[in-house]
Amino acid sequence: MRPNPIAPWELRVGQLRVYYEVSDNPLKVVTVRAIGTKVGNKVRIGDEWWEPGKPQPEKGHEDSGDDTGDR
């Protein structure tokens, strides 16, 4: 797995992506940093889109499917 700016570990379950980190000082603790859905070659996390290999998620997307914006 290539490094990403969200978290050091990634769990893949179908189209679901869970980004997390594990610490063991003094107890083993798993911290979920983000949960997203893979769409094509990008991952949607909340209202942000992130393309793996890029430095950070990008705000907005023309194909977000979110029609709950200001009216």
PDB file of N, CA and C in Angstrom:
ATOM      1  N   MET A   1       0.844  -1.180   0.000  1.00  0.00           N
ATOM      2  CA  MET A   1       0.000   0.000   0.000  1.00  0.00           C
ATOM      3  C   MET A   1       0.890   1.244   0.000  1.00  0.00           C
ATOM      4  N   ARG A   2       0.571   2.185  -0.852  1.00  0.00           N
ATOM      5  CA  ARG A   2       1.344   3.437  -0.875  1.00  0.00           C
ATOM      6  C   ARG A   2       0.887   4.347   0.266  1.00  0.00           C
ATOM      7  N   PRO A   3       1.787   5.187   0.775  1.00  0.00           N
ATOM      8  CA  PRO A   3       1.422   6.085   1.871  1.00  0.00           C
ATOM      9  C   PRO A   3       0.335   7.081   1.445  1.00  0.00           C
ATOM     10  N   ASN A   4      -0.507   7.461   2.381  1.00  0.00           N
ATOM     11  CA  ASN A   4      -1.512   8.482   2.086  1.00  0.00           C
ATOM     12  C   ASN A   4      -1.591   9.455   3.256  1.00  0.00           C
ATOM     13  N   PRO A   5      -2.103  10.660   3.013  1.00  0.00           N
ATOM     14  CA  PRO A   5      -2.124  11.684   4.064  1.00  0.00           C
ATOM     15  C   PRO A   5      -3.225  11.503   5.100  1.00  0.00           C
ATOM     16  N   ILE A   6      -4.127  10.562   4.889  1.00  0.00           N
ATOM     17  CA  ILE A   6      -5.261  10.389   5.799  1.00  0.00           C
ATOM     18  C   ILE A   6      -4.887   9.537   7.004  1.00  0.00           C
ATOM     19  N   ALA A   7      -4.298   8.370   6.762  1.00  0.00           N
ATOM     20  CA  ALA A   7      -3.928   7.458   7.847  1.00  0.00           C
ATOM     21  C   ALA A   7      -2.932   6.430   7.314  1.00  0.00           C
ATOM     22  N   PRO A   8      -2.159   5.813   8.215  1.00  0.00           N
ATOM     23  CA  PRO A   8      -1.167   4.842   7.756  1.00  0.00           C
ATOM     24  C   PRO A   8      -1.745   3.496   7.306  1.00  0.00           C
ATOM     25  N   TRP A   9      -2.986   3.186   7.704  1.00  0.00           N
ATOM     26  CA  TRP A   9      -3.591   1.902   7.344  1.00  0.00           C
ATOM     27  C   TRP A   9      -4.925   2.112   6.650  1.00  0.00           C
ATOM     28  N   GLU A  10      -5.260   1.176   5.749  1.00  0.00           N
ATOM     29  CA  GLU A  10      -6.521   1.244   5.003  1.00  0.00           C
ATOM     30  C   GLU A  10      -7.142  -0.143   4.962  1.00  0.00           C
ATOM     31  N   LEU A  11      -8.410  -0.244   5.347  1.00  0.00           N
ATOM     32  CA  LEU A  11      -9.174  -1.481   5.259  1.00  0.00           C
ATOM     33  C   LEU A  11     -10.123  -1.344   4.085  1.00  0.00           C
ATOM     34  N   ARG A  12     -10.118  -2.320   3.187  1.00  0.00           N
ATOM     35  CA  ARG A  12     -10.985  -2.295   1.998  1.00  0.00           C
ATOM     36  C   ARG A  12     -12.024  -3.393   2.106  1.00  0.00           C
ATOM     37  N   VAL A  13     -13.290  -3.014   2.042  1.00  0.00           N
ATOM     38  CA  VAL A  13     -14.400  -3.962   2.069  1.00  0.00           C
ATOM     39  C   VAL A  13     -15.325  -3.566   0.926  1.00  0.00           C
ATOM     40  N   GLY A  14     -15.236  -4.267  -0.202  1.00  0.00           N
ATOM     41  CA  GLY A  14     -16.005  -3.873  -1.381  1.00  0.00           C
ATOM     42  C   GLY A  14     -15.607  -2.463  -1.788  1.00  0.00           C
ATOM     43  N   GLN A  15     -16.578  -1.556  -1.896  1.00  0.00           N
ATOM     44  CA  GLN A  15     -16.307  -0.163  -2.251  1.00  0.00           C
ATOM     45  C   GLN A  15     -16.027   0.708  -1.028  1.00  0.00           C
ATOM     46  N   LEU A  16     -16.176   0.147   0.162  1.00  0.00           N
ATOM     47  CA  LEU A  16     -15.958   0.888   1.401  1.00  0.00           C
ATOM     48  C   LEU A  16     -14.474   0.943   1.742  1.00  0.00           C
ATOM     49  N   ARG A  17     -14.010   2.119   2.197  1.00  0.00           N
ATOM     50  CA  ARG A  17     -12.624   2.308   2.622  1.00  0.00           C
ATOM     51  C   ARG A  17     -12.622   2.873   4.039  1.00  0.00           C
ATOM     52  N   VAL A  18     -11.873   2.232   4.924  1.00  0.00           N
ATOM     53  CA  VAL A  18     -11.737   2.698   6.301  1.00  0.00           C
ATOM     54  C   VAL A  18     -10.256   3.001   6.516  1.00  0.00           C
ATOM     55  N   TYR A  19      -9.963   4.256   6.846  1.00  0.00           N
ATOM     56  CA  TYR A  19      -8.589   4.693   7.078  1.00  0.00           C
ATOM     57  C   TYR A  19      -8.373   4.804   8.582  1.00  0.00           C
ATOM     58  N   TYR A  20      -7.319   4.136   9.085  1.00  0.00           N
ATOM     59  CA  TYR A  20      -7.135   4.084  10.532  1.00  0.00           C
ATOM     60  C   TYR A  20      -5.664   4.047  10.895  1.00  0.00           C
ATOM     61  N   GLU A  21      -5.406   4.274  12.187  1.00  0.00           N
ATOM     62  CA  GLU A  21      -4.056   4.151  12.728  1.00  0.00           C
ATOM     63  C   GLU A  21      -4.123   3.335  14.009  1.00  0.00           C
ATOM     64  N   VAL A  22      -3.015   2.692  14.342  1.00  0.00           N
ATOM     65  CA  VAL A  22      -2.934   1.852  15.532  1.00  0.00           C
ATOM     66  C   VAL A  22      -1.804   2.370  16.409  1.00  0.00           C
ATOM     67  N   SER A  23      -2.107   2.562  17.692  1.00  0.00           N
ATOM     68  CA  SER A  23      -1.066   2.951  18.648  1.00  0.00           C
ATOM     69  C   SER A  23      -1.044   1.933  19.776  1.00  0.00           C
ATOM     70  N   ASP A  24       0.079   1.813  20.427  1.00  0.00           N
ATOM     71  CA  ASP A  24       0.178   0.850  21.533  1.00  0.00           C
ATOM     72  C   ASP A  24       0.887   1.449  22.743  1.00  0.00           C
ATOM     73  N   ASN A  25       0.653   2.723  22.989  1.00  0.00           N
ATOM     74  CA  ASN A  25       1.257   3.409  24.137  1.00  0.00           C
ATOM     75  C   ASN A  25       0.182   3.910  25.072  1.00  0.00           C
ATOM     76  N   PRO A  26      -0.048   3.418  26.206  1.00  0.00           N
ATOM     77  CA  PRO A  26       0.421   2.150  26.747  1.00  0.00           C
ATOM     78  C   PRO A  26      -0.469   0.981  26.339  1.00  0.00           C
ATOM     79  N   LEU A  27      -1.683   1.248  25.829  1.00  0.00           N
ATOM     80  CA  LEU A  27      -2.584   0.181  25.377  1.00  0.00           C
ATOM     81  C   LEU A  27      -2.721   0.222  23.864  1.00  0.00           C
ATOM     82  N   LYS A  28      -3.095  -0.909  23.286  1.00  0.00           N
ATOM     83  CA  LYS A  28      -3.352  -0.930  21.849  1.00  0.00           C
ATOM     84  C   LYS A  28      -4.686  -0.236  21.578  1.00  0.00           C
ATOM     85  N   VAL A  29      -4.636   0.804  20.750  1.00  0.00           N
ATOM     86  CA  VAL A  29      -5.825   1.580  20.423  1.00  0.00           C
ATOM     87  C   VAL A  29      -5.884   1.755  18.908  1.00  0.00           C
ATOM     88  N   VAL A  30      -7.058   1.495  18.325  1.00  0.00           N
ATOM     89  CA  VAL A  30      -7.279   1.736  16.901  1.00  0.00           C
ATOM     90  C   VAL A  30      -8.130   2.985  16.781  1.00  0.00           C
ATOM     91  N   THR A  31      -7.635   3.963  16.018  1.00  0.00           N
ATOM     92  CA  THR A  31      -8.356   5.209  15.798  1.00  0.00           C
ATOM     93  C   THR A  31      -8.758   5.287  14.337  1.00  0.00           C
ATOM     94  N   VAL A  32     -10.063   5.332  14.086  1.00  0.00           N
ATOM     95  CA  VAL A  32     -10.558   5.467  12.714  1.00  0.00           C
ATOM     96  C   VAL A  32     -10.460   6.938  12.340  1.00  0.00           C
ATOM     97  N   ARG A  33      -9.709   7.226  11.285  1.00  0.00           N
ATOM     98  CA  ARG A  33      -9.493   8.603  10.836  1.00  0.00           C
ATOM     99  C   ARG A  33     -10.539   9.039   9.822  1.00  0.00           C
ATOM    100  N   ALA A  34     -11.011   8.105   8.983  1.00  0.00           N
ATOM    101  CA  ALA A  34     -12.015   8.446   7.973  1.00  0.00           C
ATOM    102  C   ALA A  34     -12.627   7.174   7.414  1.00  0.00           C
ATOM    103  N   ILE A  35     -13.880   7.304   6.947  1.00  0.00           N
ATOM    104  CA  ILE A  35     -14.567   6.222   6.250  1.00  0.00           C
ATOM    105  C   ILE A  35     -15.102   6.811   4.957  1.00  0.00           C
ATOM    106  N   GLY A  36     -14.842   6.124   3.856  1.00  0.00           N
ATOM    107  CA  GLY A  36     -15.279   6.648   2.563  1.00  0.00           C
ATOM    108  C   GLY A  36     -15.760   5.553   1.640  1.00  0.00           C
ATOM    109  N   THR A  37     -16.258   5.970   0.481  1.00  0.00           N
ATOM    110  CA  THR A  37     -16.748   5.069  -0.548  1.00  0.00           C
ATOM    111  C   THR A  37     -15.946   5.289  -1.815  1.00  0.00           C
ATOM    112  N   LYS A  38     -15.438   4.205  -2.402  1.00  0.00           N
ATOM    113  CA  LYS A  38     -14.657   4.319  -3.630  1.00  0.00           C
ATOM    114  C   LYS A  38     -15.605   4.430  -4.817  1.00  0.00           C
ATOM    115  N   VAL A  39     -15.367   5.439  -5.646  1.00  0.00           N
ATOM    116  CA  VAL A  39     -16.154   5.656  -6.865  1.00  0.00           C
ATOM    117  C   VAL A  39     -15.145   5.873  -7.982  1.00  0.00           C
ATOM    118  N   GLY A  40     -15.030   4.897  -8.867  1.00  0.00           N
ATOM    119  CA  GLY A  40     -14.024   4.994  -9.925  1.00  0.00           C
ATOM    120  C   GLY A  40     -12.639   4.971  -9.309  1.00  0.00           C
ATOM    121  N   ASN A  41     -11.822   5.979  -9.624  1.00  0.00           N
ATOM    122  CA  ASN A  41     -10.474   6.033  -9.062  1.00  0.00           C
ATOM    123  C   ASN A  41     -10.372   7.045  -7.923  1.00  0.00           C
ATOM    124  N   LYS A  42     -11.526   7.492  -7.392  1.00  0.00           N
ATOM    125  CA  LYS A  42     -11.535   8.443  -6.280  1.00  0.00           C
ATOM    126  C   LYS A  42     -12.294   7.857  -5.095  1.00  0.00           C
ATOM    127  N   VAL A  43     -12.065   8.463  -3.921  1.00  0.00           N
ATOM    128  CA  VAL A  43     -12.766   8.047  -2.709  1.00  0.00           C
ATOM    129  C   VAL A  43     -13.535   9.252  -2.189  1.00  0.00           C
ATOM    130  N   ARG A  44     -14.827   9.049  -1.922  1.00  0.00           N
ATOM    131  CA  ARG A  44     -15.656  10.109  -1.348  1.00  0.00           C
ATOM    132  C   ARG A  44     -15.690   9.941   0.158  1.00  0.00           C
ATOM    133  N   ILE A  45     -15.238  10.994   0.858  1.00  0.00           N
ATOM    134  CA  ILE A  45     -15.253  11.018   2.321  1.00  0.00           C
ATOM    135  C   ILE A  45     -16.078  12.234   2.705  1.00  0.00           C
ATOM    136  N   GLY A  46     -17.301  11.999   3.165  1.00  0.00           N
ATOM    137  CA  GLY A  46     -18.211  13.114   3.439  1.00  0.00           C
ATOM    138  C   GLY A  46     -18.521  13.833   2.144  1.00  0.00           C
ATOM    139  N   ASP A  47     -18.272  15.147   2.090  1.00  0.00           N
ATOM    140  CA  ASP A  47     -18.520  15.896   0.862  1.00  0.00           C
ATOM    141  C   ASP A  47     -17.220  16.197   0.117  1.00  0.00           C
ATOM    142  N   GLU A  48     -16.151  15.492   0.480  1.00  0.00           N
ATOM    143  CA  GLU A  48     -14.861  15.693  -0.176  1.00  0.00           C
ATOM    144  C   GLU A  48     -14.508  14.476  -1.019  1.00  0.00           C
ATOM    145  N   TRP A  49     -13.775  14.721  -2.097  1.00  0.00           N
ATOM    146  CA  TRP A  49     -13.292  13.659  -2.974  1.00  0.00           C
ATOM    147  C   TRP A  49     -11.782  13.611  -2.893  1.00  0.00           C
ATOM    148  N   TRP A  50     -11.228  12.417  -2.800  1.00  0.00           N
ATOM    149  CA  TRP A  50      -9.792  12.230  -2.711  1.00  0.00           C
ATOM    150  C   TRP A  50      -9.355  11.200  -3.739  1.00  0.00           C
ATOM    151  N   GLU A  51      -8.304  11.526  -4.458  1.00  0.00           N
ATOM    152  CA  GLU A  51      -7.737  10.585  -5.414  1.00  0.00           C
ATOM    153  C   GLU A  51      -6.464  10.017  -4.805  1.00  0.00           C
ATOM    154  N   PRO A  52      -6.426   8.697  -4.533  1.00  0.00           N
ATOM    155  CA  PRO A  52      -5.230   8.102  -3.946  1.00  0.00           C
ATOM    156  C   PRO A  52      -3.988   8.473  -4.753  1.00  0.00           C
ATOM    157  N   GLY A  53      -2.930   8.790  -4.040  1.00  0.00           N
ATOM    158  CA  GLY A  53      -1.704   9.234  -4.677  1.00  0.00           C
ATOM    159  C   GLY A  53      -1.582  10.744  -4.725  1.00  0.00           C
ATOM    160  N   LYS A  54      -2.683  11.449  -4.436  1.00  0.00           N
ATOM    161  CA  LYS A  54      -2.679  12.911  -4.382  1.00  0.00           C
ATOM    162  C   LYS A  54      -2.525  13.338  -2.926  1.00  0.00           C
ATOM    163  N   PRO A  55      -2.027  14.553  -2.675  1.00  0.00           N
ATOM    164  CA  PRO A  55      -1.723  14.956  -1.299  1.00  0.00           C
ATOM    165  C   PRO A  55      -2.906  15.135  -0.371  1.00  0.00           C
ATOM    166  N   GLN A  56      -4.069  15.595  -0.841  1.00  0.00           N
ATOM    167  CA  GLN A  56      -5.183  15.832   0.078  1.00  0.00           C
ATOM    168  C   GLN A  56      -6.505  15.740  -0.659  1.00  0.00           C
ATOM    169  N   PRO A  57      -7.612  15.523   0.081  1.00  0.00           N
ATOM    170  CA  PRO A  57      -8.924  15.478  -0.568  1.00  0.00           C
ATOM    171  C   PRO A  57      -9.247  16.808  -1.239  1.00  0.00           C
ATOM    172  N   GLU A  58     -10.023  16.747  -2.328  1.00  0.00           N
ATOM    173  CA  GLU A  58     -10.438  17.970  -3.015  1.00  0.00           C
ATOM    174  C   GLU A  58     -11.885  18.285  -2.656  1.00  0.00           C
ATOM    175  N   LYS A  59     -12.173  19.544  -2.440  1.00  0.00           N
ATOM    176  CA  LYS A  59     -13.530  19.977  -2.083  1.00  0.00           C
ATOM    177  C   LYS A  59     -14.416  19.943  -3.324  1.00  0.00           C
ATOM    178  N   GLY A  60     -15.650  19.474  -3.128  1.00  0.00           N
ATOM    179  CA  GLY A  60     -16.631  19.481  -4.209  1.00  0.00           C
ATOM    180  C   GLY A  60     -16.273  18.533  -5.324  1.00  0.00           C
ATOM    181  N   HIS A  61     -17.245  18.227  -6.164  1.00  0.00           N
ATOM    182  CA  HIS A  61     -17.052  17.348  -7.308  1.00  0.00           C
ATOM    183  C   HIS A  61     -18.296  17.463  -8.163  1.00  0.00           C
ATOM    184  N   GLU A  62     -18.112  17.545  -9.460  1.00  0.00           N
ATOM    185  CA  GLU A  62     -19.270  17.744 -10.342  1.00  0.00           C
ATOM    186  C   GLU A  62     -20.222  16.564 -10.344  1.00  0.00           C
ATOM    187  N   ASP A  63     -19.770  15.383  -9.920  1.00  0.00           N
ATOM    188  CA  ASP A  63     -20.606  14.194  -9.930  1.00  0.00           C
ATOM    189  C   ASP A  63     -20.795  13.665  -8.514  1.00  0.00           C
ATOM    190  N   SER A  64     -20.992  14.560  -7.551  1.00  0.00           N
ATOM    191  CA  SER A  64     -21.078  14.130  -6.156  1.00  0.00           C
ATOM    192  C   SER A  64     -22.390  13.431  -5.838  1.00  0.00           C
ATOM    193  N   GLY A  65     -23.456  13.699  -6.633  1.00  0.00           N
ATOM    194  CA  GLY A  65     -24.734  13.080  -6.357  1.00  0.00           C
ATOM    195  C   GLY A  65     -25.446  13.700  -5.179  1.00  0.00           C
ATOM    196  N   ASP A  66     -24.906  14.751  -4.602  1.00  0.00           N
ATOM    197  CA  ASP A  66     -25.483  15.408  -3.440  1.00  0.00           C
ATOM    198  C   ASP A  66     -26.342  16.569  -3.906  1.00  0.00           C
ATOM    199  N   ASP A  67     -27.651  16.448  -3.758  1.00  0.00           N
ATOM    200  CA  ASP A  67     -28.529  17.535  -4.196  1.00  0.00           C
ATOM    201  C   ASP A  67     -29.159  18.247  -3.016  1.00  0.00           C
ATOM    202  N   THR A  68     -28.484  18.249  -1.866  1.00  0.00           N
ATOM    203  CA  THR A  68     -29.035  18.874  -0.674  1.00  0.00           C
ATOM    204  C   THR A  68     -28.447  20.245  -0.421  1.00  0.00           C
ATOM    205  N   GLY A  69     -27.789  20.831  -1.420  1.00  0.00           N
ATOM    206  CA  GLY A  69     -27.147  22.133  -1.246  1.00  0.00           C
ATOM    207  C   GLY A  69     -28.157  23.253  -1.027  1.00  0.00           C
ATOM    208  N   ASP A  70     -27.670  24.482  -0.847  1.00  0.00           N
ATOM    209  CA  ASP A  70     -28.533  25.628  -0.635  1.00  0.00           C
ATOM    210  C   ASP A  70     -29.451  25.831  -1.831  1.00  0.00           C
ATOM    211  N   ARG A  71     -30.705  26.138  -1.543  1.00  0.00           N
ATOM    212  CA  ARG A  71     -31.692  26.340  -2.619  1.00  0.00           C
ATOM    213  C   ARG A  71     -32.305  27.684  -2.484  1.00  0.00           C
TER     214      ARG A  71
END
